[in-house]
Amino acid sequence: MWWFRRKGPSGFSYSSTAEEVTEGIDGSGLTAIVTGASSGIGTETTRVLALRGVHVVMGVRNMEAGKGVKEAIAKEIPAAKIDAMELDLSSMASVRKFASEFNSSHLPLNLLINNAGIMATPFMLSKDNIELQFATNHIGHFLLTNLLLDTMKKTSVKMKKEGRIVNVSSMAHKYTYGEGMRFDKINDQAGYSSVLAYGQSKLANVLHANELSRHLKEDGSEITANSLHPGPVTTNLFRHFSFVEGLVSKLGSYVLKNVQQGAATTCYVALHPQVKGITGEYFADSNLAKASKHGTDVNLAKKLWDFSMNLVK
């Protein structure tokens, strides 16, 4: 459909692929962490970053799957530099272990792609007794980012190069409770809605990037933090909705993005020179976009920051 190919100010569109938005960009010398890299747009993000010369560390819950992805990419791109490390974002202990091991490796860190996510799961609590979607999609990434921030700051100073933190959110961040974030109801099973809980976790991704951006500006760090909507993508996120999954399998190729298109905005925000110096913004289809009213609520972002800090302590 013609409107899918209509280009925005960046020169890219809904239909642009991750390879297209990074064409001609040399990422040699950069190191990135990509969470949830063993499937979907995480795998494609890893592949394209590696194709552009970036050393990618995959944070994966399933090491066997991560090994398979690494081998497949290495077969296609012999020069690819890829490592896999175990990371379960629903467990603070696992996040701390991952961050400790990465920091101990003395690798630089230029790009942190907070990509991993689960969608609309039945009500469950994480190992830390936090509603599973909020724990995995937000708290795990919030803690990981905090634990890796010093390494990113040192890297940006040493290499004299801007660091970038990218939170993969969703259009679902626009569909939450009236007040945007029900901090007092995160673990409340009564009246639990898996869809609203997912929306809250994705709103948290946007608010986290915005408030982190403010903190980084205050301390003068040359690191940006942005969030994005990858678009409706044909991935396994729909597995908890058998009806929707059926529609996706039949109609996906006509109305949804494939993974090559779904990873485009992530790769654009992570690597493209057009994004240099831009921080605290929201992107979609490899262009600047508007987050929801709640997604731009400064006070809500501060409240979420404080709430999250208390949880990770």
C-alpha atoms as a PDB file:
ATOM      1  CA  MET A   1       0.000   0.000   0.000  1.00  0.00           C
ATOM      2  CA  TRP A   2       1.357   3.382  -1.041  1.00  0.00           C
ATOM      3  CA  TRP A   3       1.060   5.082   2.356  1.00  0.00           C
ATOM      4  CA  PHE A   4       3.330   2.445   3.927  1.00  0.00           C
ATOM      5  CA  ARG A   5       6.089   3.673   1.596  1.00  0.00           C
ATOM      6  CA  ARG A   6       5.481   7.387   2.144  1.00  0.00           C
ATOM      7  CA  LYS A   7       8.721   8.805   3.524  1.00  0.00           C
ATOM      8  CA  GLY A   8       8.933  11.062   6.565  1.00  0.00           C
ATOM      9  CA  PRO A   9      11.431  13.896   7.198  1.00  0.00           C
ATOM     10  CA  SER A  10      14.213  11.365   7.869  1.00  0.00           C
ATOM     11  CA  GLY A  11      13.854   9.952   4.369  1.00  0.00           C
ATOM     12  CA  PHE A  12      12.534   6.642   5.709  1.00  0.00           C
ATOM     13  CA  SER A  13       9.071   5.140   6.044  1.00  0.00           C
ATOM     14  CA  TYR A  14       6.910   2.416   7.584  1.00  0.00           C
ATOM     15  CA  SER A  15       8.286   0.011   4.982  1.00  0.00           C
ATOM     16  CA  SER A  16      11.989   0.801   5.454  1.00  0.00           C
ATOM     17  CA  THR A  17      14.162  -2.068   6.669  1.00  0.00           C
ATOM     18  CA  ALA A  18      16.939  -2.075   9.254  1.00  0.00           C
ATOM     19  CA  GLU A  19      19.513  -2.573   6.502  1.00  0.00           C
ATOM     20  CA  GLU A  20      18.131   0.372   4.526  1.00  0.00           C
ATOM     21  CA  VAL A  21      18.180   2.835   7.437  1.00  0.00           C
ATOM     22  CA  THR A  22      21.798   1.931   8.281  1.00  0.00           C
ATOM     23  CA  GLU A  23      23.156   1.717   4.748  1.00  0.00           C
ATOM     24  CA  GLY A  24      26.614   3.263   4.507  1.00  0.00           C
ATOM     25  CA  ILE A  25      27.024   3.623   8.286  1.00  0.00           C
ATOM     26  CA  ASP A  26      30.249   2.257   9.768  1.00  0.00           C
ATOM     27  CA  GLY A  27      29.792   0.991  13.322  1.00  0.00           C
ATOM     28  CA  SER A  28      33.306  -0.410  13.646  1.00  0.00           C
ATOM     29  CA  GLY A  29      34.747   0.116  17.116  1.00  0.00           C
ATOM     30  CA  LEU A  30      31.331   0.362  18.760  1.00  0.00           C
ATOM     31  CA  THR A  31      30.029  -2.135  21.304  1.00  0.00           C
ATOM     32  CA  ALA A  32      26.322  -2.729  21.876  1.00  0.00           C
ATOM     33  CA  ILE A  33      24.208  -4.770  24.246  1.00  0.00           C
ATOM     34  CA  VAL A  34      20.906  -5.996  22.799  1.00  0.00           C
ATOM     35  CA  THR A  35      18.453  -7.619  25.204  1.00  0.00           C
ATOM     36  CA  GLY A  36      16.031 -10.229  23.919  1.00  0.00           C
ATOM     37  CA  ALA A  37      18.354 -10.908  21.005  1.00  0.00           C
ATOM     38  CA  SER A  38      17.472 -14.561  20.478  1.00  0.00           C
ATOM     39  CA  SER A  39      14.241 -13.957  18.533  1.00  0.00           C
ATOM     40  CA  GLY A  40      12.191 -11.472  16.526  1.00  0.00           C
ATOM     41  CA  ILE A  41      13.379  -7.925  16.073  1.00  0.00           C
ATOM     42  CA  GLY A  42      16.096  -8.480  18.676  1.00  0.00           C
ATOM     43  CA  THR A  43      17.752 -11.015  16.385  1.00  0.00           C
ATOM     44  CA  GLU A  44      17.430  -8.738  13.352  1.00  0.00           C
ATOM     45  CA  THR A  45      18.780  -5.771  15.331  1.00  0.00           C
ATOM     46  CA  THR A  46      21.775  -7.894  16.332  1.00  0.00           C
ATOM     47  CA  ARG A  47      22.344  -9.057  12.758  1.00  0.00           C
ATOM     48  CA  VAL A  48      22.209  -5.588  11.229  1.00  0.00           C
ATOM     49  CA  LEU A  49      24.375  -3.970  13.915  1.00  0.00           C
ATOM     50  CA  ALA A  50      26.930  -6.754  13.383  1.00  0.00           C
ATOM     51  CA  LEU A  51      26.673  -6.231   9.614  1.00  0.00           C
ATOM     52  CA  ARG A  52      27.655  -2.587  10.195  1.00  0.00           C
ATOM     53  CA  GLY A  53      30.704  -3.611  12.222  1.00  0.00           C
ATOM     54  CA  VAL A  54      29.335  -3.244  15.764  1.00  0.00           C
ATOM     55  CA  HIS A  55      30.481  -5.744  18.399  1.00  0.00           C
ATOM     56  CA  VAL A  56      27.170  -7.027  19.779  1.00  0.00           C
ATOM     57  CA  VAL A  57      26.671  -8.668  23.149  1.00  0.00           C
ATOM     58  CA  MET A  58      23.348 -10.494  23.181  1.00  0.00           C
ATOM     59  CA  GLY A  59      21.526 -10.612  26.511  1.00  0.00           C
ATOM     60  CA  VAL A  60      19.451 -13.783  26.258  1.00  0.00           C
ATOM     61  CA  ARG A  61      17.397 -15.878  28.658  1.00  0.00           C
ATOM     62  CA  ASN A  62      17.822 -19.026  26.560  1.00  0.00           C
ATOM     63  CA  MET A  63      21.531 -19.556  25.935  1.00  0.00           C
ATOM     64  CA  GLU A  64      20.896 -22.407  23.510  1.00  0.00           C
ATOM     65  CA  ALA A  65      18.756 -20.147  21.344  1.00  0.00           C
ATOM     66  CA  GLY A  66      21.347 -17.391  21.664  1.00  0.00           C
ATOM     67  CA  LYS A  67      24.067 -19.745  20.482  1.00  0.00           C
ATOM     68  CA  GLY A  68      21.929 -20.666  17.463  1.00  0.00           C
ATOM     69  CA  VAL A  69      21.448 -16.999  16.541  1.00  0.00           C
ATOM     70  CA  LYS A  70      25.161 -16.303  16.928  1.00  0.00           C
ATOM     71  CA  GLU A  71      26.089 -19.222  14.673  1.00  0.00           C
ATOM     72  CA  ALA A  72      23.507 -18.287  12.025  1.00  0.00           C
ATOM     73  CA  ILE A  73      24.720 -14.687  11.855  1.00  0.00           C
ATOM     74  CA  ALA A  74      28.382 -15.763  11.796  1.00  0.00           C
ATOM     75  CA  LYS A  75      27.603 -18.047   8.869  1.00  0.00           C
ATOM     76  CA  GLU A  76      26.079 -15.124   6.943  1.00  0.00           C
ATOM     77  CA  ILE A  77      28.576 -12.500   8.151  1.00  0.00           C
ATOM     78  CA  PRO A  78      31.952 -14.186   8.834  1.00  0.00           C
ATOM     79  CA  ALA A  79      33.442 -10.965  10.239  1.00  0.00           C
ATOM     80  CA  ALA A  80      30.604 -10.494  12.756  1.00  0.00           C
ATOM     81  CA  LYS A  81      31.648  -9.935  16.366  1.00  0.00           C
ATOM     82  CA  ILE A  82      28.931 -11.385  18.582  1.00  0.00           C
ATOM     83  CA  ASP A  83      28.865 -12.748  22.128  1.00  0.00           C
ATOM     84  CA  ALA A  84      25.952 -14.218  24.074  1.00  0.00           C
ATOM     85  CA  MET A  85      25.473 -13.780  27.818  1.00  0.00           C
ATOM     86  CA  GLU A  86      22.675 -15.114  29.994  1.00  0.00           C
ATOM     87  CA  LEU A  87      20.125 -12.546  31.101  1.00  0.00           C
ATOM     88  CA  ASP A  88      16.693 -13.087  32.624  1.00  0.00           C
ATOM     89  CA  LEU A  89      15.157  -9.636  32.952  1.00  0.00           C
ATOM     90  CA  SER A  90      12.406 -10.911  35.259  1.00  0.00           C
ATOM     91  CA  SER A  91      15.064 -11.649  37.897  1.00  0.00           C
ATOM     92  CA  MET A  92      17.010  -8.833  39.550  1.00  0.00           C
ATOM     93  CA  ALA A  93      19.667 -11.360  40.597  1.00  0.00           C
ATOM     94  CA  SER A  94      20.164 -12.341  36.953  1.00  0.00           C
ATOM     95  CA  VAL A  95      20.331  -8.690  35.877  1.00  0.00           C
ATOM     96  CA  ARG A  96      22.928  -7.943  38.547  1.00  0.00           C
ATOM     97  CA  LYS A  97      24.988 -10.997  37.546  1.00  0.00           C
ATOM     98  CA  PHE A  98      24.890 -10.015  33.856  1.00  0.00           C
ATOM     99  CA  ALA A  99      25.899  -6.411  34.584  1.00  0.00           C
ATOM    100  CA  SER A 100      28.697  -7.497  36.935  1.00  0.00           C
ATOM    101  CA  GLU A 101      30.123  -9.917  34.370  1.00  0.00           C
ATOM    102  CA  PHE A 102      29.900  -7.380  31.557  1.00  0.00           C
ATOM    103  CA  ASN A 103      31.525  -4.625  33.614  1.00  0.00           C
ATOM    104  CA  SER A 104      34.263  -7.049  34.670  1.00  0.00           C
ATOM    105  CA  SER A 105      35.009  -7.829  31.011  1.00  0.00           C
ATOM    106  CA  HIS A 106      36.308  -4.249  30.589  1.00  0.00           C
ATOM    107  CA  LEU A 107      34.560  -3.974  27.241  1.00  0.00           C
ATOM    108  CA  PRO A 108      33.426  -0.500  26.222  1.00  0.00           C
ATOM    109  CA  LEU A 109      29.689   0.145  25.915  1.00  0.00           C
ATOM    110  CA  ASN A 110      28.403   2.602  23.336  1.00  0.00           C
ATOM    111  CA  LEU A 111      24.871   1.349  22.730  1.00  0.00           C
ATOM    112  CA  LEU A 112      22.350  -0.198  25.094  1.00  0.00           C
ATOM    113  CA  ILE A 113      19.289  -1.554  23.296  1.00  0.00           C
ATOM    114  CA  ASN A 114      16.572  -2.392  25.835  1.00  0.00           C
ATOM    115  CA  ASN A 115      14.569  -4.536  23.453  1.00  0.00           C
ATOM    116  CA  ALA A 116      13.353  -7.649  25.305  1.00  0.00           C
ATOM    117  CA  GLY A 117       9.716  -7.907  26.238  1.00  0.00           C
ATOM    118  CA  ILE A 118       6.759 -10.139  26.972  1.00  0.00           C
ATOM    119  CA  MET A 119       3.185  -9.305  26.037  1.00  0.00           C
ATOM    120  CA  ALA A 120      -0.221  -9.773  27.644  1.00  0.00           C
ATOM    121  CA  THR A 121       0.689 -12.770  29.785  1.00  0.00           C
ATOM    122  CA  PRO A 122      -1.713 -14.241  32.350  1.00  0.00           C
ATOM    123  CA  PHE A 123      -1.238 -12.782  35.841  1.00  0.00           C
ATOM    124  CA  MET A 124       2.064 -13.964  37.299  1.00  0.00           C
ATOM    125  CA  LEU A 125       4.627 -12.609  39.717  1.00  0.00           C
ATOM    126  CA  SER A 126       8.344 -12.511  39.001  1.00  0.00           C
ATOM    127  CA  LYS A 127      10.977 -14.067  41.244  1.00  0.00           C
ATOM    128  CA  ASP A 128      11.064 -10.701  43.016  1.00  0.00           C
ATOM    129  CA  ASN A 129       7.268 -10.692  43.518  1.00  0.00           C
ATOM    130  CA  ILE A 130       6.538  -8.036  40.907  1.00  0.00           C
ATOM    131  CA  GLU A 131       3.867  -8.436  38.209  1.00  0.00           C
ATOM    132  CA  LEU A 132       5.722 -10.263  35.448  1.00  0.00           C
ATOM    133  CA  GLN A 133       5.231  -7.848  32.538  1.00  0.00           C
ATOM    134  CA  PHE A 134       6.202  -4.809  34.605  1.00  0.00           C
ATOM    135  CA  ALA A 135       9.167  -6.729  36.037  1.00  0.00           C
ATOM    136  CA  THR A 136      10.448  -7.945  32.666  1.00  0.00           C
ATOM    137  CA  ASN A 137       9.633  -5.044  30.371  1.00  0.00           C
ATOM    138  CA  HIS A 138      10.506  -2.201  32.720  1.00  0.00           C
ATOM    139  CA  ILE A 139      12.149  -3.020  36.055  1.00  0.00           C
ATOM    140  CA  GLY A 140      14.717  -5.407  34.559  1.00  0.00           C
ATOM    141  CA  HIS A 141      15.752  -2.811  31.988  1.00  0.00           C
ATOM    142  CA  PHE A 142      15.667   0.008  34.534  1.00  0.00           C
ATOM    143  CA  LEU A 143      18.071  -1.878  36.804  1.00  0.00           C
ATOM    144  CA  LEU A 144      20.274  -3.030  33.929  1.00  0.00           C
ATOM    145  CA  THR A 145      20.613   0.519  32.620  1.00  0.00           C
ATOM    146  CA  ASN A 146      21.537   1.869  36.054  1.00  0.00           C
ATOM    147  CA  LEU A 147      24.176  -0.821  36.562  1.00  0.00           C
ATOM    148  CA  LEU A 148      25.773  -0.218  33.145  1.00  0.00           C
ATOM    149  CA  LEU A 149      25.605   3.578  33.162  1.00  0.00           C
ATOM    150  CA  ASP A 150      29.077   4.171  34.622  1.00  0.00           C
ATOM    151  CA  THR A 151      30.622   1.987  31.926  1.00  0.00           C
ATOM    152  CA  MET A 152      28.720   3.908  29.255  1.00  0.00           C
ATOM    153  CA  LYS A 153      29.838   7.248  30.699  1.00  0.00           C
ATOM    154  CA  LYS A 154      33.493   6.166  30.809  1.00  0.00           C
ATOM    155  CA  THR A 155      33.235   4.880  27.232  1.00  0.00           C
ATOM    156  CA  SER A 156      31.752   8.105  25.890  1.00  0.00           C
ATOM    157  CA  VAL A 157      34.514  10.146  27.565  1.00  0.00           C
ATOM    158  CA  LYS A 158      37.349   7.856  26.489  1.00  0.00           C
ATOM    159  CA  MET A 159      36.146   7.474  22.892  1.00  0.00           C
ATOM    160  CA  LYS A 160      34.808  11.040  22.655  1.00  0.00           C
ATOM    161  CA  LYS A 161      31.690   9.561  21.134  1.00  0.00           C
ATOM    162  CA  GLU A 162      28.026   9.861  22.052  1.00  0.00           C
ATOM    163  CA  GLY A 163      26.513   6.871  23.814  1.00  0.00           C
ATOM    164  CA  ARG A 164      22.927   5.914  23.052  1.00  0.00           C
ATOM    165  CA  ILE A 165      20.309   4.142  25.164  1.00  0.00           C
ATOM    166  CA  VAL A 166      17.293   2.893  23.221  1.00  0.00           C
ATOM    167  CA  ASN A 167      14.092   1.662  24.892  1.00  0.00           C
ATOM    168  CA  VAL A 168      11.840  -0.375  22.633  1.00  0.00           C
ATOM    169  CA  SER A 169       8.307   0.539  23.689  1.00  0.00           C
ATOM    170  CA  SER A 170       5.043   0.103  21.799  1.00  0.00           C
ATOM    171  CA  MET A 171       1.926   1.899  20.622  1.00  0.00           C
ATOM    172  CA  ALA A 172       0.336   0.103  23.584  1.00  0.00           C
ATOM    173  CA  HIS A 173       1.839   2.754  25.877  1.00  0.00           C
ATOM    174  CA  LYS A 174      -1.086   4.935  24.774  1.00  0.00           C
ATOM    175  CA  TYR A 175      -3.649   2.490  26.144  1.00  0.00           C
ATOM    176  CA  THR A 176      -3.407   2.538  29.925  1.00  0.00           C
ATOM    177  CA  TYR A 177      -5.490   3.548  32.921  1.00  0.00           C
ATOM    178  CA  GLY A 178      -6.830   7.099  33.025  1.00  0.00           C
ATOM    179  CA  GLU A 179      -4.054   8.284  35.322  1.00  0.00           C
ATOM    180  CA  GLY A 180      -1.424   6.535  33.226  1.00  0.00           C
ATOM    181  CA  MET A 181       0.299   4.476  35.897  1.00  0.00           C
ATOM    182  CA  ARG A 182      -1.330   2.703  38.835  1.00  0.00           C
ATOM    183  CA  PHE A 183       1.678   2.271  41.124  1.00  0.00           C
ATOM    184  CA  ASP A 184      -0.539   0.978  43.910  1.00  0.00           C
ATOM    185  CA  LYS A 185      -2.102  -1.642  41.626  1.00  0.00           C
ATOM    186  CA  ILE A 186       0.978  -3.178  39.965  1.00  0.00           C
ATOM    187  CA  ASN A 187       0.618  -6.454  41.889  1.00  0.00           C
ATOM    188  CA  ASP A 188      -3.152  -6.445  42.270  1.00  0.00           C
ATOM    189  CA  GLN A 189      -4.592  -9.612  40.759  1.00  0.00           C
ATOM    190  CA  ALA A 190      -8.185  -8.468  41.341  1.00  0.00           C
ATOM    191  CA  GLY A 191      -9.426  -6.930  38.112  1.00  0.00           C
ATOM    192  CA  TYR A 192      -6.118  -7.707  36.402  1.00  0.00           C
ATOM    193  CA  SER A 193      -6.064  -6.985  32.683  1.00  0.00           C
ATOM    194  CA  SER A 194      -3.127  -8.494  30.804  1.00  0.00           C
ATOM    195  CA  VAL A 195      -3.526  -5.912  28.034  1.00  0.00           C
ATOM    196  CA  LEU A 196      -3.602  -2.916  30.391  1.00  0.00           C
ATOM    197  CA  ALA A 197      -0.658  -4.342  32.344  1.00  0.00           C
ATOM    198  CA  TYR A 198       1.275  -4.617  29.078  1.00  0.00           C
ATOM    199  CA  GLY A 199       0.358  -1.041  28.181  1.00  0.00           C
ATOM    200  CA  GLN A 200       1.604   0.180  31.564  1.00  0.00           C
ATOM    201  CA  SER A 201       4.914  -1.616  31.135  1.00  0.00           C
ATOM    202  CA  LYS A 202       5.362  -0.047  27.696  1.00  0.00           C
ATOM    203  CA  LEU A 203       4.422   3.393  29.053  1.00  0.00           C
ATOM    204  CA  ALA A 204       7.116   2.809  31.666  1.00  0.00           C
ATOM    205  CA  ASN A 205       9.666   2.311  28.848  1.00  0.00           C
ATOM    206  CA  VAL A 206       8.836   5.754  27.455  1.00  0.00           C
ATOM    207  CA  LEU A 207       8.812   7.491  30.844  1.00  0.00           C
ATOM    208  CA  HIS A 208      12.077   5.789  31.838  1.00  0.00           C
ATOM    209  CA  ALA A 209      13.848   7.087  28.716  1.00  0.00           C
ATOM    210  CA  ASN A 210      12.496  10.596  29.273  1.00  0.00           C
ATOM    211  CA  GLU A 211      13.521  10.824  32.922  1.00  0.00           C
ATOM    212  CA  LEU A 212      16.875   9.161  32.246  1.00  0.00           C
ATOM    213  CA  SER A 213      17.478  11.747  29.530  1.00  0.00           C
ATOM    214  CA  ARG A 214      16.853  14.508  32.088  1.00  0.00           C
ATOM    215  CA  HIS A 215      19.322  12.962  34.547  1.00  0.00           C
ATOM    216  CA  LEU A 216      21.982  12.569  31.856  1.00  0.00           C
ATOM    217  CA  LYS A 217      21.580  16.197  30.779  1.00  0.00           C
ATOM    218  CA  GLU A 218      21.941  17.353  34.379  1.00  0.00           C
ATOM    219  CA  ASP A 219      25.255  15.580  34.893  1.00  0.00           C
ATOM    220  CA  GLY A 220      26.582  16.609  31.479  1.00  0.00           C
ATOM    221  CA  SER A 221      26.959  13.088  30.123  1.00  0.00           C
ATOM    222  CA  GLU A 222      27.286  12.672  26.375  1.00  0.00           C
ATOM    223  CA  ILE A 223      24.685   9.915  26.345  1.00  0.00           C
ATOM    224  CA  THR A 224      21.208  10.106  24.840  1.00  0.00           C
ATOM    225  CA  ALA A 225      18.123   8.140  25.882  1.00  0.00           C
ATOM    226  CA  ASN A 226      15.141   7.683  23.575  1.00  0.00           C
ATOM    227  CA  SER A 227      12.161   5.365  23.187  1.00  0.00           C
ATOM    228  CA  LEU A 228      10.412   4.029  20.130  1.00  0.00           C
ATOM    229  CA  HIS A 229       7.502   2.097  18.670  1.00  0.00           C
ATOM    230  CA  PRO A 230       8.801  -0.594  16.276  1.00  0.00           C
ATOM    231  CA  GLY A 231       5.409  -0.875  14.605  1.00  0.00           C
ATOM    232  CA  PRO A 232       3.033  -3.831  14.482  1.00  0.00           C
ATOM    233  CA  VAL A 233       5.402  -6.704  13.777  1.00  0.00           C
ATOM    234  CA  THR A 234       4.819 -10.371  12.950  1.00  0.00           C
ATOM    235  CA  THR A 235       6.600 -11.873  15.965  1.00  0.00           C
ATOM    236  CA  ASN A 236       5.779 -14.462  18.637  1.00  0.00           C
ATOM    237  CA  LEU A 237       4.579 -11.750  21.046  1.00  0.00           C
ATOM    238  CA  PHE A 238       1.002 -12.654  20.072  1.00  0.00           C
ATOM    239  CA  ARG A 239       1.304 -16.232  21.357  1.00  0.00           C
ATOM    240  CA  HIS A 240      -1.010 -15.576  24.342  1.00  0.00           C
ATOM    241  CA  PHE A 241      -3.842 -14.625  21.969  1.00  0.00           C
ATOM    242  CA  SER A 242      -4.660 -17.655  19.846  1.00  0.00           C
ATOM    243  CA  PHE A 243      -7.288 -15.749  17.830  1.00  0.00           C
ATOM    244  CA  VAL A 244      -4.959 -12.807  17.153  1.00  0.00           C
ATOM    245  CA  GLU A 245      -2.084 -15.165  16.412  1.00  0.00           C
ATOM    246  CA  GLY A 246      -4.260 -16.866  13.799  1.00  0.00           C
ATOM    247  CA  LEU A 247      -5.071 -13.547  12.148  1.00  0.00           C
ATOM    248  CA  VAL A 248      -1.411 -12.548  12.232  1.00  0.00           C
ATOM    249  CA  SER A 249      -0.376 -15.727  10.449  1.00  0.00           C
ATOM    250  CA  LYS A 250      -2.980 -15.164   7.709  1.00  0.00           C
ATOM    251  CA  LEU A 251      -2.963 -11.379   7.297  1.00  0.00           C
ATOM    252  CA  GLY A 252       0.418 -10.413   8.703  1.00  0.00           C
ATOM    253  CA  SER A 253       2.191 -10.114   5.374  1.00  0.00           C
ATOM    254  CA  TYR A 254      -0.438  -7.612   4.188  1.00  0.00           C
ATOM    255  CA  VAL A 255      -0.820  -5.266   7.172  1.00  0.00           C
ATOM    256  CA  LEU A 256       2.042  -5.941   9.589  1.00  0.00           C
ATOM    257  CA  LYS A 257       5.757  -5.312   9.349  1.00  0.00           C
ATOM    258  CA  ASN A 258       8.175  -8.187   8.928  1.00  0.00           C
ATOM    259  CA  VAL A 259      11.115  -8.361  11.348  1.00  0.00           C
ATOM    260  CA  GLN A 260      13.418  -6.567   8.891  1.00  0.00           C
ATOM    261  CA  GLN A 261      11.043  -3.594   8.942  1.00  0.00           C
ATOM    262  CA  GLY A 262      10.286  -3.991  12.644  1.00  0.00           C
ATOM    263  CA  ALA A 263      13.960  -3.610  13.590  1.00  0.00           C
ATOM    264  CA  ALA A 264      14.430  -0.534  11.409  1.00  0.00           C
ATOM    265  CA  THR A 265      13.525   2.152  13.958  1.00  0.00           C
ATOM    266  CA  THR A 266      15.717   0.549  16.629  1.00  0.00           C
ATOM    267  CA  CYS A 267      18.716   0.469  14.299  1.00  0.00           C
ATOM    268  CA  TYR A 268      17.973   4.000  13.082  1.00  0.00           C
ATOM    269  CA  VAL A 269      17.868   5.455  16.591  1.00  0.00           C
ATOM    270  CA  ALA A 270      20.955   3.452  17.622  1.00  0.00           C
ATOM    271  CA  LEU A 271      23.227   4.272  14.689  1.00  0.00           C
ATOM    272  CA  HIS A 272      22.016   7.016  12.368  1.00  0.00           C
ATOM    273  CA  PRO A 273      23.865  10.385  12.358  1.00  0.00           C
ATOM    274  CA  GLN A 274      20.507  12.189  12.061  1.00  0.00           C
ATOM    275  CA  VAL A 275      19.753  11.180  15.670  1.00  0.00           C
ATOM    276  CA  LYS A 276      22.980  12.624  17.117  1.00  0.00           C
ATOM    277  CA  GLY A 277      22.244  14.856  20.099  1.00  0.00           C
ATOM    278  CA  ILE A 278      18.537  14.038  20.130  1.00  0.00           C
ATOM    279  CA  THR A 279      17.411  12.797  23.534  1.00  0.00           C
ATOM    280  CA  GLY A 280      14.213  12.272  25.504  1.00  0.00           C
ATOM    281  CA  GLU A 281      12.231  11.740  22.304  1.00  0.00           C
ATOM    282  CA  TYR A 282       9.914   9.082  20.900  1.00  0.00           C
ATOM    283  CA  PHE A 283      10.309   7.571  17.426  1.00  0.00           C
ATOM    284  CA  ALA A 284       8.173   5.511  15.049  1.00  0.00           C
ATOM    285  CA  ASP A 285       8.866   4.373  11.473  1.00  0.00           C
ATOM    286  CA  SER A 286      12.416   5.803  11.743  1.00  0.00           C
ATOM    287  CA  ASN A 287      11.071   9.308  12.295  1.00  0.00           C
ATOM    288  CA  LEU A 288      10.370  11.507  15.302  1.00  0.00           C
ATOM    289  CA  ALA A 289       6.843  10.876  16.556  1.00  0.00           C
ATOM    290  CA  LYS A 290       4.510  11.931  19.364  1.00  0.00           C
ATOM    291  CA  ALA A 291       4.200   9.889  22.520  1.00  0.00           C
ATOM    292  CA  SER A 292       0.919   9.867  24.431  1.00  0.00           C
ATOM    293  CA  LYS A 293      -0.127  12.519  26.950  1.00  0.00           C
ATOM    294  CA  HIS A 294       0.966  10.189  29.755  1.00  0.00           C
ATOM    295  CA  GLY A 295       4.207   9.424  27.906  1.00  0.00           C
ATOM    296  CA  THR A 296       5.201  13.097  28.063  1.00  0.00           C
ATOM    297  CA  ASP A 297       4.083  13.644  31.671  1.00  0.00           C
ATOM    298  CA  VAL A 298       7.179  14.915  33.505  1.00  0.00           C
ATOM    299  CA  ASN A 299       5.731  14.412  36.985  1.00  0.00           C
ATOM    300  CA  LEU A 300       4.635  10.869  36.163  1.00  0.00           C
ATOM    301  CA  ALA A 301       8.151  10.113  34.888  1.00  0.00           C
ATOM    302  CA  LYS A 302       9.652  11.338  38.160  1.00  0.00           C
ATOM    303  CA  LYS A 303       7.183   9.280  40.197  1.00  0.00           C
ATOM    304  CA  LEU A 304       7.980   6.172  38.165  1.00  0.00           C
ATOM    305  CA  TRP A 305      11.715   6.773  38.640  1.00  0.00           C
ATOM    306  CA  ASP A 306      11.360   6.972  42.414  1.00  0.00           C
ATOM    307  CA  PHE A 307       9.008   3.979  42.501  1.00  0.00           C
ATOM    308  CA  SER A 308      11.437   1.928  40.395  1.00  0.00           C
ATOM    309  CA  MET A 309      14.443   2.943  42.497  1.00  0.00           C
ATOM    310  CA  ASN A 310      12.641   1.704  45.628  1.00  0.00           C
ATOM    311  CA  LEU A 311      11.835  -1.608  43.952  1.00  0.00           C
ATOM    312  CA  VAL A 312      15.390  -2.314  42.794  1.00  0.00           C
ATOM    313  CA  LYS A 313      16.801  -1.485  46.229  1.00  0.00           C
END
